[in-house]
Amino acid sequence: MEELSNEAFNHLLEKASPAIESKKNELHSLGYEDVTNDLVIDCLQMMIWKKNRPNQIYKIVQDILNLKSSTYMSYISSKTYVDDDLMSSITAVIGENEDKSK
């Protein structure tokens, strides 16, 4: 399977924007109020396309429409955990530096 350049892949994502919008609206209707098109794409890239990005529009649209809410929830949970963990690390480093300066 031929690997697409980032530019070509982004062009296919633009063509798939109606499907992305549809998935965002579906997730909104299920109670995920903070969903954005970018989060849907990020979820697909981290959870579905982490090893191989599709190189044809129909495969991209199929993956978008088949994205399960449970997969999206797992993505958001892991993203929140990583963000919280990063913030804890930053706070710990800043706290240590403040203690040493006193």
Protein backbone atom coordinates (compact mmCIF):
# COMPACT_ATOMS: atom_id res chain seq x y z
CA MET A 1 0.00 0.00 0.00
CA GLU A 2 1.35 3.38 -1.01
CA GLU A 3 1.99 5.90 1.79
CA LEU A 4 0.38 9.29 1.21
CA SER A 5 2.16 12.56 1.88
CA ASN A 6 0.70 14.70 4.66
CA GLU A 7 -0.52 17.18 2.06
CA ALA A 8 -2.34 14.49 0.06
CA PHE A 9 -3.83 12.97 3.23
CA ASN A 10 -5.03 16.39 4.45
CA HIS A 11 -6.63 16.95 1.04
CA LEU A 12 -8.56 13.68 1.44
CA LEU A 13 -9.62 14.73 4.94
CA GLU A 14 -10.99 17.98 3.51
CA LYS A 15 -13.03 15.98 1.01
CA ALA A 16 -14.30 13.83 3.89
CA SER A 17 -15.40 16.85 5.94
CA PRO A 18 -19.16 16.09 5.55
CA ALA A 19 -18.57 12.66 7.14
CA ILE A 20 -16.49 14.24 9.92
CA GLU A 21 -19.25 16.79 10.56
CA SER A 22 -21.82 13.99 10.62
CA LYS A 23 -19.79 12.00 13.17
CA LYS A 24 -19.35 15.12 15.31
CA ASN A 25 -23.13 15.68 15.28
CA GLU A 26 -23.76 12.02 16.14
CA LEU A 27 -21.42 12.24 19.12
CA HIS A 28 -23.10 15.50 20.19
CA SER A 29 -26.46 13.73 20.14
CA LEU A 30 -25.00 11.02 22.40
CA GLY A 31 -24.02 13.64 24.99
CA TYR A 32 -20.42 14.40 24.04
CA GLU A 33 -20.88 18.16 23.96
CA ASP A 34 -17.22 19.17 23.56
CA VAL A 35 -16.65 17.22 20.33
CA THR A 36 -15.05 19.15 17.48
CA ASN A 37 -14.07 18.11 13.97
CA ASP A 38 -10.42 18.30 15.02
CA LEU A 39 -11.03 15.97 17.97
CA VAL A 40 -12.74 13.45 15.69
CA ILE A 41 -9.73 13.54 13.34
CA ASP A 42 -7.25 13.31 16.25
CA CYS A 43 -9.17 10.35 17.66
CA LEU A 44 -9.05 8.56 14.32
CA GLN A 45 -5.34 9.24 13.97
CA MET A 46 -4.52 8.03 17.49
CA MET A 47 -6.94 5.12 17.80
CA ILE A 48 -7.66 3.86 14.27
CA TRP A 49 -4.90 5.10 11.97
CA LYS A 50 -1.96 4.88 14.38
CA LYS A 51 -0.13 2.37 12.18
CA ASN A 52 -1.51 2.89 8.67
CA ARG A 53 -3.40 5.88 7.37
CA PRO A 54 -5.90 5.03 4.65
CA ASN A 55 -4.92 6.19 1.20
CA GLN A 56 -8.34 6.30 -0.42
CA ILE A 57 -11.30 8.54 0.33
CA TYR A 58 -13.80 5.71 0.70
CA LYS A 59 -11.63 4.07 3.38
CA ILE A 60 -11.35 7.36 5.29
CA VAL A 61 -15.11 7.92 5.15
CA GLN A 62 -15.75 4.32 6.20
CA ASP A 63 -13.46 4.71 9.23
CA ILE A 64 -15.10 7.99 10.18
CA LEU A 65 -18.63 6.61 9.97
CA ASN A 66 -17.67 3.40 11.81
CA LEU A 67 -16.00 5.25 14.71
CA LYS A 68 -17.71 4.02 17.86
CA SER A 69 -18.58 6.31 20.72
CA SER A 70 -16.72 3.94 23.07
CA THR A 71 -13.54 4.40 21.00
CA TYR A 72 -13.99 8.17 21.17
CA MET A 73 -14.53 7.97 24.94
CA SER A 74 -11.34 5.90 25.34
CA TYR A 75 -9.44 8.50 23.31
CA ILE A 76 -10.77 11.39 25.41
CA SER A 77 -10.02 9.52 28.64
CA SER A 78 -6.44 8.78 27.62
CA LYS A 79 -5.96 12.34 26.35
CA THR A 80 -7.22 13.72 29.65
CA TYR A 81 -4.96 11.38 31.61
CA VAL A 82 -1.90 12.39 29.57
CA ASP A 83 -2.77 16.09 29.86
CA ASP A 84 -3.31 15.79 33.64
CA ASP A 85 -0.11 13.79 34.06
CA LEU A 86 1.82 16.39 32.06
CA MET A 87 0.36 19.18 34.15
CA SER A 88 1.29 17.33 37.36
CA SER A 89 4.86 16.95 36.08
CA ILE A 90 5.07 20.63 35.21
CA THR A 91 3.68 21.62 38.58
CA ALA A 92 6.15 19.34 40.35
CA VAL A 93 9.10 20.82 38.47
CA ILE A 94 7.94 24.39 39.04
CA GLY A 95 7.27 23.63 42.70
CA GLU A 96 10.75 22.15 43.14
CA ASN A 97 12.34 25.21 41.55
CA GLU A 98 10.36 27.56 43.76
CA ASP A 99 11.41 25.62 46.88
CA LYS A 100 15.09 25.79 45.92
CA SER A 101 14.91 29.54 45.33
CA LYS A 102 13.67 30.19 48.88
